[in-house]
N, C-alpha and C. Protein backbone atom coordinates (compact mmCIF):
# COMPACT_ATOMS: atom_id res chain seq x y z
N UNK A 1 -222.64 -228.09 17.01
CA UNK A 1 -221.34 -228.59 17.44
C UNK A 1 -220.26 -228.08 16.50
N UNK A 2 -219.20 -227.55 17.07
CA UNK A 2 -218.10 -227.01 16.29
C UNK A 2 -217.12 -228.13 15.98
N UNK A 3 -216.82 -228.33 14.72
CA UNK A 3 -215.86 -229.38 14.37
C UNK A 3 -215.25 -229.13 13.00
N UNK A 4 -214.12 -229.80 12.78
CA UNK A 4 -213.45 -229.81 11.49
C UNK A 4 -213.44 -231.25 10.98
N UNK A 5 -213.74 -231.41 9.71
CA UNK A 5 -213.80 -232.74 9.12
C UNK A 5 -212.83 -232.79 7.95
N UNK A 6 -211.82 -233.67 8.06
CA UNK A 6 -210.87 -233.84 6.97
C UNK A 6 -211.28 -234.99 6.07
N UNK A 7 -210.86 -234.93 4.84
CA UNK A 7 -211.05 -236.01 3.89
C UNK A 7 -210.02 -235.90 2.79
N UNK A 8 -209.92 -236.94 1.97
CA UNK A 8 -209.04 -236.89 0.82
C UNK A 8 -207.78 -237.73 0.92
N UNK A 9 -207.52 -238.30 2.08
CA UNK A 9 -206.33 -239.12 2.22
C UNK A 9 -206.45 -240.42 1.44
N UNK A 10 -205.33 -241.14 1.35
CA UNK A 10 -205.34 -242.40 0.65
C UNK A 10 -203.94 -242.90 0.36
N UNK A 11 -203.88 -243.90 -0.46
CA UNK A 11 -202.61 -244.52 -0.87
C UNK A 11 -202.24 -243.97 -2.24
N UNK A 12 -201.01 -243.49 -2.36
CA UNK A 12 -200.56 -242.93 -3.63
C UNK A 12 -199.11 -243.32 -3.85
N UNK A 13 -198.72 -243.44 -5.09
CA UNK A 13 -197.34 -243.78 -5.42
C UNK A 13 -196.44 -242.56 -5.31
N UNK A 14 -195.16 -242.76 -5.08
CA UNK A 14 -194.22 -241.63 -5.07
C UNK A 14 -194.33 -240.82 -6.35
N UNK A 15 -194.32 -239.49 -6.20
CA UNK A 15 -194.51 -238.61 -7.33
C UNK A 15 -195.95 -238.25 -7.60
N UNK A 16 -196.86 -238.92 -6.93
CA UNK A 16 -198.29 -238.68 -7.14
C UNK A 16 -198.80 -237.47 -6.38
N UNK A 17 -200.12 -237.25 -6.48
CA UNK A 17 -200.75 -236.09 -5.87
C UNK A 17 -202.03 -236.48 -5.14
N UNK A 18 -202.37 -235.69 -4.16
CA UNK A 18 -203.63 -235.80 -3.43
C UNK A 18 -204.11 -234.41 -3.07
N UNK A 19 -205.42 -234.28 -2.89
CA UNK A 19 -205.98 -233.04 -2.36
C UNK A 19 -206.74 -233.36 -1.08
N UNK A 20 -206.29 -232.79 0.01
CA UNK A 20 -206.95 -232.95 1.30
C UNK A 20 -207.92 -231.79 1.53
N UNK A 21 -209.06 -232.11 2.12
CA UNK A 21 -210.07 -231.09 2.43
C UNK A 21 -210.28 -230.99 3.93
N UNK A 22 -210.55 -229.79 4.38
CA UNK A 22 -210.86 -229.54 5.79
C UNK A 22 -212.10 -228.65 5.81
N UNK A 23 -213.23 -229.23 6.17
CA UNK A 23 -214.49 -228.50 6.16
C UNK A 23 -214.94 -228.19 7.58
N UNK A 24 -215.29 -226.95 7.80
CA UNK A 24 -215.75 -226.52 9.12
C UNK A 24 -217.25 -226.72 9.23
N UNK A 25 -217.67 -227.22 10.38
CA UNK A 25 -219.09 -227.38 10.68
C UNK A 25 -219.38 -226.70 12.00
N UNK A 26 -220.42 -225.90 12.02
CA UNK A 26 -220.80 -225.21 13.25
C UNK A 26 -220.16 -223.85 13.40
N UNK A 27 -219.29 -223.46 12.49
CA UNK A 27 -218.72 -222.12 12.51
C UNK A 27 -218.25 -221.76 11.10
N UNK A 28 -218.02 -220.46 10.90
CA UNK A 28 -217.67 -219.97 9.57
C UNK A 28 -216.18 -219.67 9.51
N UNK A 29 -215.53 -220.18 8.47
CA UNK A 29 -214.09 -219.97 8.29
C UNK A 29 -213.84 -218.66 7.55
N UNK A 30 -214.12 -217.54 8.21
CA UNK A 30 -213.82 -216.30 7.53
C UNK A 30 -212.72 -215.51 8.23
N UNK A 31 -212.48 -215.76 9.50
CA UNK A 31 -211.45 -215.03 10.21
C UNK A 31 -210.45 -215.93 10.93
N UNK A 32 -210.73 -217.20 10.97
CA UNK A 32 -209.89 -218.12 11.73
C UNK A 32 -208.70 -218.59 10.91
N UNK A 33 -207.49 -218.42 11.42
CA UNK A 33 -206.36 -219.08 10.78
C UNK A 33 -206.56 -220.60 10.83
N UNK A 34 -206.19 -221.25 9.75
CA UNK A 34 -206.28 -222.70 9.64
C UNK A 34 -204.91 -223.26 9.31
N UNK A 35 -204.58 -224.37 9.92
CA UNK A 35 -203.29 -225.00 9.66
C UNK A 35 -203.47 -226.49 9.43
N UNK A 36 -202.50 -227.03 8.72
CA UNK A 36 -202.40 -228.48 8.54
C UNK A 36 -201.16 -228.96 9.28
N UNK A 37 -201.33 -230.07 9.99
CA UNK A 37 -200.23 -230.73 10.68
C UNK A 37 -200.21 -232.18 10.23
N UNK A 38 -199.13 -232.84 10.49
CA UNK A 38 -199.06 -234.28 10.21
C UNK A 38 -198.26 -234.99 11.28
N UNK A 39 -198.58 -236.26 11.43
CA UNK A 39 -197.86 -237.07 12.41
C UNK A 39 -197.59 -238.44 11.81
N UNK A 40 -196.33 -238.73 11.64
CA UNK A 40 -195.90 -240.02 11.13
C UNK A 40 -195.74 -240.99 12.29
N UNK A 41 -195.81 -242.28 12.03
CA UNK A 41 -195.66 -243.26 13.11
C UNK A 41 -194.35 -243.08 13.86
N UNK A 42 -194.44 -242.98 15.16
CA UNK A 42 -193.26 -242.86 15.99
C UNK A 42 -192.62 -241.48 16.01
N UNK A 43 -193.27 -240.52 15.38
CA UNK A 43 -192.71 -239.17 15.33
C UNK A 43 -193.67 -238.16 15.96
N UNK A 44 -193.14 -236.99 16.28
CA UNK A 44 -193.96 -235.94 16.83
C UNK A 44 -194.78 -235.26 15.73
N UNK A 45 -195.85 -234.62 16.17
CA UNK A 45 -196.68 -233.87 15.22
C UNK A 45 -195.86 -232.72 14.63
N UNK A 46 -196.01 -232.55 13.33
CA UNK A 46 -195.21 -231.56 12.59
C UNK A 46 -196.13 -230.58 11.87
N UNK A 47 -195.83 -229.31 11.96
CA UNK A 47 -196.59 -228.31 11.22
C UNK A 47 -196.25 -228.37 9.74
N UNK A 48 -197.27 -228.32 8.89
CA UNK A 48 -197.07 -228.43 7.45
C UNK A 48 -197.31 -227.10 6.75
N UNK A 49 -198.48 -226.53 6.96
CA UNK A 49 -198.83 -225.29 6.26
C UNK A 49 -199.99 -224.63 6.98
N UNK A 50 -200.12 -223.31 6.77
CA UNK A 50 -201.23 -222.60 7.38
C UNK A 50 -201.66 -221.45 6.48
N UNK A 51 -202.87 -220.96 6.74
CA UNK A 51 -203.41 -219.84 5.97
C UNK A 51 -204.19 -218.93 6.89
N UNK A 52 -203.98 -217.65 6.71
CA UNK A 52 -204.78 -216.66 7.42
C UNK A 52 -205.99 -216.35 6.57
N UNK A 53 -207.18 -216.62 7.07
CA UNK A 53 -208.37 -216.45 6.25
C UNK A 53 -208.78 -214.99 6.09
N UNK A 54 -208.15 -214.08 6.81
CA UNK A 54 -208.49 -212.67 6.65
C UNK A 54 -207.79 -212.05 5.46
N UNK A 55 -206.56 -212.45 5.17
CA UNK A 55 -205.83 -211.81 4.08
C UNK A 55 -205.06 -212.78 3.20
N UNK A 56 -205.23 -214.06 3.44
CA UNK A 56 -204.64 -215.03 2.55
C UNK A 56 -203.17 -215.32 2.76
N UNK A 57 -202.58 -214.79 3.82
CA UNK A 57 -201.18 -215.11 4.11
C UNK A 57 -201.04 -216.61 4.31
N UNK A 58 -200.03 -217.20 3.68
CA UNK A 58 -199.76 -218.62 3.86
C UNK A 58 -198.33 -218.84 4.31
N UNK A 59 -198.13 -219.91 5.03
CA UNK A 59 -196.78 -220.30 5.48
C UNK A 59 -196.67 -221.80 5.33
N UNK A 60 -195.44 -222.27 5.10
CA UNK A 60 -195.24 -223.70 4.94
C UNK A 60 -193.91 -224.14 5.48
N UNK A 61 -193.85 -225.39 5.87
CA UNK A 61 -192.60 -225.97 6.34
C UNK A 61 -191.63 -226.11 5.17
N UNK A 62 -190.36 -226.02 5.46
CA UNK A 62 -189.35 -226.13 4.40
C UNK A 62 -189.45 -227.46 3.66
N UNK A 63 -189.85 -228.50 4.38
CA UNK A 63 -189.90 -229.84 3.78
C UNK A 63 -190.97 -229.97 2.71
N UNK A 64 -191.93 -229.04 2.66
CA UNK A 64 -193.02 -229.18 1.70
C UNK A 64 -193.10 -228.00 0.74
N UNK A 65 -192.27 -226.99 0.92
CA UNK A 65 -192.33 -225.82 0.03
C UNK A 65 -192.06 -226.24 -1.42
N UNK A 66 -192.89 -225.68 -2.30
CA UNK A 66 -192.78 -226.03 -3.71
C UNK A 66 -193.54 -227.29 -4.09
N UNK A 67 -194.04 -228.02 -3.10
CA UNK A 67 -194.79 -229.24 -3.37
C UNK A 67 -196.23 -229.18 -2.84
N UNK A 68 -196.43 -228.57 -1.69
CA UNK A 68 -197.76 -228.50 -1.08
C UNK A 68 -198.28 -227.08 -1.16
N UNK A 69 -199.58 -226.96 -1.42
CA UNK A 69 -200.21 -225.64 -1.50
C UNK A 69 -201.49 -225.64 -0.67
N UNK A 70 -201.63 -224.63 0.16
CA UNK A 70 -202.84 -224.48 0.95
C UNK A 70 -203.69 -223.38 0.33
N UNK A 71 -205.01 -223.61 0.25
CA UNK A 71 -205.89 -222.60 -0.29
C UNK A 71 -207.28 -222.80 0.28
N UNK A 72 -208.16 -221.84 0.06
CA UNK A 72 -209.45 -221.85 0.72
C UNK A 72 -210.58 -221.63 -0.28
N UNK A 73 -211.75 -222.06 0.10
CA UNK A 73 -212.98 -221.80 -0.65
C UNK A 73 -214.03 -221.37 0.36
N UNK A 74 -214.22 -220.06 0.48
CA UNK A 74 -215.16 -219.56 1.48
C UNK A 74 -216.58 -220.07 1.23
N UNK A 75 -216.95 -220.20 -0.03
CA UNK A 75 -218.31 -220.64 -0.35
C UNK A 75 -218.58 -222.03 0.19
N UNK A 76 -217.54 -222.87 0.24
CA UNK A 76 -217.68 -224.23 0.74
C UNK A 76 -217.23 -224.36 2.19
N UNK A 77 -216.82 -223.24 2.79
CA UNK A 77 -216.36 -223.27 4.19
C UNK A 77 -215.26 -224.31 4.38
N UNK A 78 -214.36 -224.35 3.42
CA UNK A 78 -213.36 -225.42 3.36
C UNK A 78 -211.98 -224.86 3.04
N UNK A 79 -210.98 -225.45 3.67
CA UNK A 79 -209.58 -225.19 3.35
C UNK A 79 -208.99 -226.48 2.79
N UNK A 80 -208.20 -226.34 1.75
CA UNK A 80 -207.62 -227.49 1.07
C UNK A 80 -206.11 -227.50 1.22
N UNK A 81 -205.54 -228.67 1.11
CA UNK A 81 -204.09 -228.83 1.02
C UNK A 81 -203.80 -229.70 -0.19
N UNK A 82 -203.21 -229.08 -1.21
CA UNK A 82 -202.84 -229.80 -2.41
C UNK A 82 -201.44 -230.37 -2.22
N UNK A 83 -201.32 -231.68 -2.34
CA UNK A 83 -200.04 -232.36 -2.14
C UNK A 83 -199.56 -232.88 -3.49
N UNK A 84 -198.45 -232.35 -3.96
CA UNK A 84 -197.87 -232.78 -5.23
C UNK A 84 -196.49 -233.38 -5.01
N UNK A 85 -196.05 -234.17 -5.99
CA UNK A 85 -194.72 -234.79 -5.93
C UNK A 85 -194.49 -235.45 -4.57
N UNK A 86 -195.43 -236.28 -4.18
CA UNK A 86 -195.37 -236.90 -2.86
C UNK A 86 -194.20 -237.86 -2.74
N UNK A 87 -193.64 -237.90 -1.55
CA UNK A 87 -192.49 -238.75 -1.24
C UNK A 87 -192.88 -239.72 -0.13
N UNK A 88 -192.19 -240.84 -0.01
CA UNK A 88 -192.50 -241.78 1.08
C UNK A 88 -192.45 -241.12 2.46
N UNK A 89 -191.58 -240.15 2.64
CA UNK A 89 -191.48 -239.48 3.94
C UNK A 89 -192.66 -238.56 4.24
N UNK A 90 -193.56 -238.38 3.27
CA UNK A 90 -194.79 -237.62 3.51
C UNK A 90 -195.88 -238.48 4.14
N UNK A 91 -195.62 -239.77 4.26
CA UNK A 91 -196.59 -240.68 4.86
C UNK A 91 -196.86 -240.28 6.30
N UNK A 92 -198.14 -240.06 6.62
CA UNK A 92 -198.52 -239.60 7.95
C UNK A 92 -200.03 -239.46 8.01
N UNK A 93 -200.53 -239.25 9.22
CA UNK A 93 -201.91 -238.80 9.40
C UNK A 93 -201.89 -237.28 9.37
N UNK A 94 -202.71 -236.71 8.53
CA UNK A 94 -202.77 -235.26 8.36
C UNK A 94 -203.99 -234.71 9.10
N UNK A 95 -203.75 -233.68 9.89
CA UNK A 95 -204.80 -233.04 10.68
C UNK A 95 -204.93 -231.57 10.29
N UNK A 96 -206.15 -231.08 10.25
CA UNK A 96 -206.32 -229.64 10.15
C UNK A 96 -206.77 -229.11 11.50
N UNK A 97 -206.47 -227.85 11.72
CA UNK A 97 -206.78 -227.22 13.00
C UNK A 97 -207.13 -225.76 12.77
N UNK A 98 -207.98 -225.22 13.64
CA UNK A 98 -208.42 -223.84 13.51
C UNK A 98 -208.21 -223.08 14.81
N UNK A 99 -207.81 -221.84 14.66
CA UNK A 99 -207.80 -220.95 15.82
C UNK A 99 -209.22 -220.43 16.03
N UNK A 100 -209.56 -220.13 17.26
CA UNK A 100 -210.86 -219.53 17.55
C UNK A 100 -210.78 -218.02 17.67
N UNK A 101 -209.55 -217.47 17.67
CA UNK A 101 -209.37 -216.04 17.78
C UNK A 101 -209.07 -215.44 16.41
N UNK A 102 -209.53 -214.23 16.20
CA UNK A 102 -209.26 -213.52 14.97
C UNK A 102 -207.77 -213.22 14.87
N UNK A 103 -207.19 -213.41 13.68
CA UNK A 103 -205.79 -213.10 13.48
C UNK A 103 -205.53 -212.82 12.01
N UNK A 104 -204.60 -211.92 11.74
CA UNK A 104 -204.24 -211.60 10.36
C UNK A 104 -203.05 -212.41 9.88
N UNK A 105 -202.54 -213.28 10.72
CA UNK A 105 -201.39 -214.11 10.36
C UNK A 105 -201.68 -215.53 10.80
N UNK A 106 -200.75 -216.42 10.55
CA UNK A 106 -200.91 -217.80 11.00
C UNK A 106 -199.54 -218.37 11.33
N UNK A 107 -199.54 -219.48 12.03
CA UNK A 107 -198.29 -220.12 12.43
C UNK A 107 -198.47 -221.63 12.32
N UNK A 108 -197.37 -222.32 12.00
CA UNK A 108 -197.45 -223.78 11.89
C UNK A 108 -196.86 -224.45 13.14
N UNK A 109 -197.33 -223.96 14.27
CA UNK A 109 -197.06 -224.60 15.55
C UNK A 109 -198.43 -224.88 16.19
N UNK A 110 -198.55 -225.96 16.94
CA UNK A 110 -199.88 -226.38 17.42
C UNK A 110 -200.50 -225.48 18.48
N UNK A 111 -199.68 -224.72 19.22
CA UNK A 111 -200.20 -223.99 20.37
C UNK A 111 -201.42 -223.11 20.13
N UNK A 112 -201.45 -222.30 19.07
CA UNK A 112 -202.59 -221.37 18.89
C UNK A 112 -203.91 -222.02 18.49
N UNK A 113 -203.89 -223.29 18.15
CA UNK A 113 -205.06 -223.92 17.53
C UNK A 113 -205.87 -224.69 18.57
N UNK A 114 -207.18 -224.39 18.60
CA UNK A 114 -208.06 -224.98 19.61
C UNK A 114 -209.00 -226.04 19.06
N UNK A 115 -209.28 -225.99 17.79
CA UNK A 115 -210.22 -226.93 17.19
C UNK A 115 -209.43 -227.83 16.24
N UNK A 116 -209.57 -229.13 16.42
CA UNK A 116 -208.80 -230.10 15.64
C UNK A 116 -209.74 -231.10 14.98
N UNK A 117 -209.36 -231.51 13.77
CA UNK A 117 -210.09 -232.57 13.10
C UNK A 117 -209.60 -233.94 13.55
N UNK A 118 -210.21 -234.97 13.00
CA UNK A 118 -209.90 -236.33 13.41
C UNK A 118 -208.74 -236.92 12.62
N UNK A 119 -208.35 -236.27 11.54
CA UNK A 119 -207.21 -236.72 10.76
C UNK A 119 -207.61 -237.55 9.55
N UNK A 120 -206.75 -237.49 8.55
CA UNK A 120 -206.92 -238.33 7.36
C UNK A 120 -205.55 -238.89 7.00
N UNK A 121 -205.50 -240.17 6.69
CA UNK A 121 -204.22 -240.86 6.51
C UNK A 121 -203.76 -240.77 5.07
N UNK A 122 -202.48 -240.41 4.91
CA UNK A 122 -201.83 -240.38 3.61
C UNK A 122 -200.68 -241.37 3.63
N UNK A 123 -200.69 -242.28 2.67
CA UNK A 123 -199.62 -243.28 2.57
C UNK A 123 -199.01 -243.17 1.18
N UNK A 124 -197.70 -242.94 1.16
CA UNK A 124 -196.98 -242.82 -0.11
C UNK A 124 -196.07 -244.04 -0.23
N UNK A 125 -196.40 -244.90 -1.17
CA UNK A 125 -195.66 -246.14 -1.30
C UNK A 125 -195.85 -246.70 -2.70
N UNK A 126 -194.81 -247.38 -3.17
CA UNK A 126 -194.91 -248.04 -4.46
C UNK A 126 -195.32 -249.50 -4.28
């Protein structure tokens, strides 16, 4: 069965950090672009960051640039999202998603992504 499993969410104070993990099961993350999205209560799903697993190209939303970093570990078949200097407005359920087609680039829009994880909740609050 092909699936993505996220973990690492939790409750953190403003200014704190978390590392989210997205592990692929049933397929190998060597050519699939991977992206992270988030959805806050009452808001639409928002693209956060993505990585092209073929050449390491990364892209990020303006709201998280300089604070969030996406990176990969091929040996663990996992893509990570490092969240630093968290703000209350970062509170959301975070989802990772994978394209099933080979690509040398990535995009932080949901359309190209066919495989989605179940989400992990991040709450930033004092």
